[in-house]
Amino acid sequence: MCQRFYALDWLSKQDVPRDNYELIWVECYDQVVPEALEKADVVITCGQKGSYSKHNGLNIAYLRARGKIVTNCDSDAVFPPNFIYSIINSFDPDKSGNLKPIVLMHDEFRINKVEYPDGVSSIDEIKKYQWLPLWKNAGACTSFRKEDVIRFGGWDE
């Protein structure tokens, strides 16, 4: 299986200052990936073998996260430059600091191609591809207030 780290690339190109959010990479298997170490702020290695339980790693990351909002993302998802800003704005639209208790689902478009198109580095390039209709509930990400995801016992896919 070929590992992709596109999410780390796209999330590094946000219009929110980089010191306003952290990137935590969860590696479900027993490996340390140099590219993740280079691009993420924190790398968590779960050491699972065979079929893995993605939610265990996500829950570890939620506990480790320093922010008040946590988002889990697919490793091959593409994010526009305003993605982080849109999450913050959804939870705190009036900039009061009182975060709304919501679960924010981020649906994604999928390309009619087996593999992610290599060499794509801008949203304009992404727009050139033929996208399939939006698949509801097949989201690339989900965002929560950290206090809520802990209160309801963590995340379980």
C-alpha atoms as a PDB file:
ATOM      1  CA  MET A   1       0.000   0.000   0.000  1.00  0.00           C
ATOM      2  CA  CYS A   2       1.322   3.414  -0.929  1.00  0.00           C
ATOM      3  CA  GLN A   3       1.133   5.976   1.855  1.00  0.00           C
ATOM      4  CA  ARG A   4       0.130   9.508   1.031  1.00  0.00           C
ATOM      5  CA  PHE A   5       0.785  12.598   3.092  1.00  0.00           C
ATOM      6  CA  TYR A   6      -1.126  15.118   1.003  1.00  0.00           C
ATOM      7  CA  ALA A   7      -3.185  16.300   3.964  1.00  0.00           C
ATOM      8  CA  LEU A   8      -0.020  17.533   5.687  1.00  0.00           C
ATOM      9  CA  ASP A   9       0.978  19.454   2.560  1.00  0.00           C
ATOM     10  CA  TRP A  10      -2.432  21.087   2.107  1.00  0.00           C
ATOM     11  CA  LEU A  11      -2.822  21.852   5.807  1.00  0.00           C
ATOM     12  CA  SER A  12       0.545  23.622   5.786  1.00  0.00           C
ATOM     13  CA  LYS A  13      -0.789  26.100   3.202  1.00  0.00           C
ATOM     14  CA  GLN A  14      -3.621  27.629   5.225  1.00  0.00           C
ATOM     15  CA  ASP A  15      -4.524  31.315   5.494  1.00  0.00           C
ATOM     16  CA  VAL A  16      -4.481  31.037   9.297  1.00  0.00           C
ATOM     17  CA  PRO A  17      -1.045  31.580  10.859  1.00  0.00           C
ATOM     18  CA  ARG A  18       0.701  28.227  11.313  1.00  0.00           C
ATOM     19  CA  ASP A  19       1.246  28.799  15.033  1.00  0.00           C
ATOM     20  CA  ASN A  20      -2.567  28.962  15.515  1.00  0.00           C
ATOM     21  CA  TYR A  21      -3.082  25.245  14.861  1.00  0.00           C
ATOM     22  CA  GLU A  22      -1.176  22.010  15.273  1.00  0.00           C
ATOM     23  CA  LEU A  23      -0.892  18.980  13.008  1.00  0.00           C
ATOM     24  CA  ILE A  24      -0.913  15.595  14.720  1.00  0.00           C
ATOM     25  CA  TRP A  25      -0.163  12.569  12.534  1.00  0.00           C
ATOM     26  CA  VAL A  26      -1.576   9.260  13.758  1.00  0.00           C
ATOM     27  CA  GLU A  27       0.229   6.206  12.423  1.00  0.00           C
ATOM     28  CA  CYS A  28      -1.879   3.130  13.160  1.00  0.00           C
ATOM     29  CA  TYR A  29       0.894   0.617  12.499  1.00  0.00           C
ATOM     30  CA  ASP A  30       4.293   0.110  14.099  1.00  0.00           C
ATOM     31  CA  GLN A  31       6.364   2.492  12.008  1.00  0.00           C
ATOM     32  CA  VAL A  32       7.824   5.956  12.154  1.00  0.00           C
ATOM     33  CA  VAL A  33       7.517   7.721   8.824  1.00  0.00           C
ATOM     34  CA  PRO A  34      10.170  10.402   8.146  1.00  0.00           C
ATOM     35  CA  GLU A  35       7.808  12.515   6.024  1.00  0.00           C
ATOM     36  CA  ALA A  36       5.256  12.663   8.852  1.00  0.00           C
ATOM     37  CA  LEU A  37       7.992  13.513  11.369  1.00  0.00           C
ATOM     38  CA  GLU A  38       9.119  16.359   9.126  1.00  0.00           C
ATOM     39  CA  LYS A  39       5.688  17.866   8.426  1.00  0.00           C
ATOM     40  CA  ALA A  40       3.615  17.237  11.585  1.00  0.00           C
ATOM     41  CA  ASP A  41       3.975  18.847  14.994  1.00  0.00           C
ATOM     42  CA  VAL A  42       3.324  15.545  16.766  1.00  0.00           C
ATOM     43  CA  VAL A  43       3.515  11.960  15.487  1.00  0.00           C
ATOM     44  CA  ILE A  44       1.698   9.207  17.372  1.00  0.00           C
ATOM     45  CA  THR A  45       2.609   5.619  16.509  1.00  0.00           C
ATOM     46  CA  CYS A  46       0.025   3.070  17.693  1.00  0.00           C
ATOM     47  CA  GLY A  47       1.949  -0.104  16.888  1.00  0.00           C
ATOM     48  CA  GLN A  48      -1.085  -2.074  15.692  1.00  0.00           C
ATOM     49  CA  LYS A  49      -0.702  -5.204  13.568  1.00  0.00           C
ATOM     50  CA  GLY A  50      -3.078  -6.673  10.951  1.00  0.00           C
ATOM     51  CA  SER A  51      -6.467  -4.976  10.855  1.00  0.00           C
ATOM     52  CA  TYR A  52      -6.209  -1.716  12.700  1.00  0.00           C
ATOM     53  CA  SER A  53      -8.582   0.364  14.786  1.00  0.00           C
ATOM     54  CA  LYS A  54      -8.351   3.914  13.490  1.00  0.00           C
ATOM     55  CA  HIS A  55     -10.493   5.352  16.269  1.00  0.00           C
ATOM     56  CA  ASN A  56      -8.013   4.291  18.973  1.00  0.00           C
ATOM     57  CA  GLY A  57      -5.330   6.455  17.377  1.00  0.00           C
ATOM     58  CA  LEU A  58      -7.734   9.357  16.886  1.00  0.00           C
ATOM     59  CA  ASN A  59      -8.755   9.261  20.529  1.00  0.00           C
ATOM     60  CA  ILE A  60      -5.113   9.348  21.615  1.00  0.00           C
ATOM     61  CA  ALA A  61      -4.641  12.391  19.375  1.00  0.00           C
ATOM     62  CA  TYR A  62      -7.716  14.123  20.853  1.00  0.00           C
ATOM     63  CA  LEU A  63      -6.295  13.687  24.341  1.00  0.00           C
ATOM     64  CA  ARG A  64      -2.884  14.971  23.209  1.00  0.00           C
ATOM     65  CA  ALA A  65      -4.239  17.969  21.276  1.00  0.00           C
ATOM     66  CA  ARG A  66      -3.683  21.397  22.798  1.00  0.00           C
ATOM     67  CA  GLY A  67      -6.514  23.211  20.988  1.00  0.00           C
ATOM     68  CA  LYS A  68     -10.170  23.634  21.894  1.00  0.00           C
ATOM     69  CA  ILE A  69     -11.303  22.324  18.483  1.00  0.00           C
ATOM     70  CA  VAL A  70     -10.130  18.959  17.117  1.00  0.00           C
ATOM     71  CA  THR A  71     -10.481  17.737  13.546  1.00  0.00           C
ATOM     72  CA  ASN A  72      -9.673  14.318  12.127  1.00  0.00           C
ATOM     73  CA  CYS A  73      -8.702  14.245   8.461  1.00  0.00           C
ATOM     74  CA  ASP A  74      -8.078  11.616   5.811  1.00  0.00           C
ATOM     75  CA  SER A  75      -4.420  11.506   4.828  1.00  0.00           C
ATOM     76  CA  ASP A  76      -5.187  11.950   1.122  1.00  0.00           C
ATOM     77  CA  ALA A  77      -7.746  14.752   1.388  1.00  0.00           C
ATOM     78  CA  VAL A  78      -7.303  18.129  -0.315  1.00  0.00           C
ATOM     79  CA  PHE A  79      -7.982  21.291   1.654  1.00  0.00           C
ATOM     80  CA  PRO A  80      -8.521  24.810   0.300  1.00  0.00           C
ATOM     81  CA  PRO A  81      -6.430  27.569   1.918  1.00  0.00           C
ATOM     82  CA  ASN A  82      -9.382  28.710   4.068  1.00  0.00           C
ATOM     83  CA  PHE A  83     -10.159  25.261   5.522  1.00  0.00           C
ATOM     84  CA  ILE A  84      -8.846  25.931   9.059  1.00  0.00           C
ATOM     85  CA  TYR A  85     -10.408  29.389   9.078  1.00  0.00           C
ATOM     86  CA  SER A  86     -13.786  27.905   8.068  1.00  0.00           C
ATOM     87  CA  ILE A  87     -13.631  25.456  10.991  1.00  0.00           C
ATOM     88  CA  ILE A  88     -12.812  28.187  13.486  1.00  0.00           C
ATOM     89  CA  ASN A  89     -15.531  30.406  12.033  1.00  0.00           C
ATOM     90  CA  SER A  90     -18.115  27.591  12.245  1.00  0.00           C
ATOM     91  CA  PHE A  91     -17.465  27.090  15.958  1.00  0.00           C
ATOM     92  CA  ASP A  92     -17.005  30.784  16.839  1.00  0.00           C
ATOM     93  CA  PRO A  93     -18.796  32.896  14.196  1.00  0.00           C
ATOM     94  CA  ASP A  94     -19.076  36.001  16.407  1.00  0.00           C
ATOM     95  CA  LYS A  95     -15.422  35.754  17.600  1.00  0.00           C
ATOM     96  CA  SER A  96     -16.580  35.712  21.232  1.00  0.00           C
ATOM     97  CA  GLY A  97     -14.495  32.709  22.270  1.00  0.00           C
ATOM     98  CA  ASN A  98     -17.660  30.812  23.226  1.00  0.00           C
ATOM     99  CA  LEU A  99     -17.435  27.816  20.908  1.00  0.00           C
ATOM    100  CA  LYS A 100     -20.708  26.353  19.650  1.00  0.00           C
ATOM    101  CA  PRO A 101     -21.261  22.687  20.630  1.00  0.00           C
ATOM    102  CA  ILE A 102     -21.524  21.252  17.121  1.00  0.00           C
ATOM    103  CA  VAL A 103     -20.236  18.253  15.186  1.00  0.00           C
ATOM    104  CA  LEU A 104     -18.970  19.570  11.870  1.00  0.00           C
ATOM    105  CA  MET A 105     -18.869  17.067   8.998  1.00  0.00           C
ATOM    106  CA  HIS A 106     -16.623  17.949   6.060  1.00  0.00           C
ATOM    107  CA  ASP A 107     -17.823  16.067   2.991  1.00  0.00           C
ATOM    108  CA  GLU A 108     -15.403  15.648   0.133  1.00  0.00           C
ATOM    109  CA  PHE A 109     -15.570  15.266  -3.583  1.00  0.00           C
ATOM    110  CA  ARG A 110     -13.828  12.233  -5.035  1.00  0.00           C
ATOM    111  CA  ILE A 111     -12.068  11.935  -8.344  1.00  0.00           C
ATOM    112  CA  ASN A 112     -12.939   9.240 -10.854  1.00  0.00           C
ATOM    113  CA  LYS A 113      -9.400   7.910 -10.740  1.00  0.00           C
ATOM    114  CA  VAL A 114      -7.823   5.091  -8.776  1.00  0.00           C
ATOM    115  CA  GLU A 115      -4.956   7.107  -7.341  1.00  0.00           C
ATOM    116  CA  TYR A 116      -4.508  10.652  -6.204  1.00  0.00           C
ATOM    117  CA  PRO A 117      -3.176  12.793  -9.069  1.00  0.00           C
ATOM    118  CA  ASP A 118       0.550  13.296  -8.386  1.00  0.00           C
ATOM    119  CA  GLY A 119       2.121  16.725  -8.639  1.00  0.00           C
ATOM    120  CA  VAL A 120      -1.016  18.674  -7.752  1.00  0.00           C
ATOM    121  CA  SER A 121      -0.143  21.588  -5.507  1.00  0.00           C
ATOM    122  CA  SER A 122      -2.814  24.239  -6.005  1.00  0.00           C
ATOM    123  CA  ILE A 123      -6.587  24.509  -5.855  1.00  0.00           C
ATOM    124  CA  ASP A 124      -6.616  25.723  -9.475  1.00  0.00           C
ATOM    125  CA  GLU A 125      -4.939  22.455 -10.562  1.00  0.00           C
ATOM    126  CA  ILE A 126      -7.479  20.446  -8.548  1.00  0.00           C
ATOM    127  CA  LYS A 127     -10.342  22.167 -10.402  1.00  0.00           C
ATOM    128  CA  LYS A 128      -9.138  20.639 -13.689  1.00  0.00           C
ATOM    129  CA  TYR A 129     -10.155  17.105 -12.660  1.00  0.00           C
ATOM    130  CA  GLN A 130     -13.534  15.480 -13.254  1.00  0.00           C
ATOM    131  CA  TRP A 131     -15.116  15.038  -9.837  1.00  0.00           C
ATOM    132  CA  LEU A 132     -17.768  12.513  -8.883  1.00  0.00           C
ATOM    133  CA  PRO A 133     -20.955  13.703  -7.164  1.00  0.00           C
ATOM    134  CA  LEU A 134     -20.580  14.501  -3.466  1.00  0.00           C
ATOM    135  CA  TRP A 135     -20.969  11.410  -1.272  1.00  0.00           C
ATOM    136  CA  LYS A 136     -22.835  12.452   1.833  1.00  0.00           C
ATOM    137  CA  ASN A 137     -21.446  10.962   5.056  1.00  0.00           C
ATOM    138  CA  ALA A 138     -18.263   9.906   3.260  1.00  0.00           C
ATOM    139  CA  GLY A 139     -16.436  12.862   4.690  1.00  0.00           C
ATOM    140  CA  ALA A 140     -12.771  13.589   4.683  1.00  0.00           C
ATOM    141  CA  CYS A 141     -12.945  15.107   8.162  1.00  0.00           C
ATOM    142  CA  THR A 142     -15.002  15.697  11.261  1.00  0.00           C
ATOM    143  CA  SER A 143     -14.530  18.521  13.757  1.00  0.00           C
ATOM    144  CA  PHE A 144     -15.645  18.785  17.388  1.00  0.00           C
ATOM    145  CA  ARG A 145     -14.979  20.838  20.444  1.00  0.00           C
ATOM    146  CA  LYS A 146     -12.327  18.868  22.323  1.00  0.00           C
ATOM    147  CA  GLU A 147     -14.389  18.965  25.521  1.00  0.00           C
ATOM    148  CA  ASP A 148     -17.345  17.375  23.687  1.00  0.00           C
ATOM    149  CA  VAL A 149     -15.449  14.514  22.061  1.00  0.00           C
ATOM    150  CA  ILE A 150     -13.985  13.655  25.475  1.00  0.00           C
ATOM    151  CA  ARG A 151     -17.379  14.050  27.194  1.00  0.00           C
ATOM    152  CA  PHE A 152     -19.142  11.673  24.813  1.00  0.00           C
ATOM    153  CA  GLY A 153     -16.442   9.035  25.244  1.00  0.00           C
ATOM    154  CA  GLY A 154     -14.265   9.626  22.204  1.00  0.00           C
ATOM    155  CA  TRP A 155     -14.665   8.839  18.527  1.00  0.00           C
ATOM    156  CA  ASP A 156     -15.603   5.453  17.143  1.00  0.00           C
ATOM    157  CA  GLU A 157     -16.021   4.920  13.420  1.00  0.00           C
END
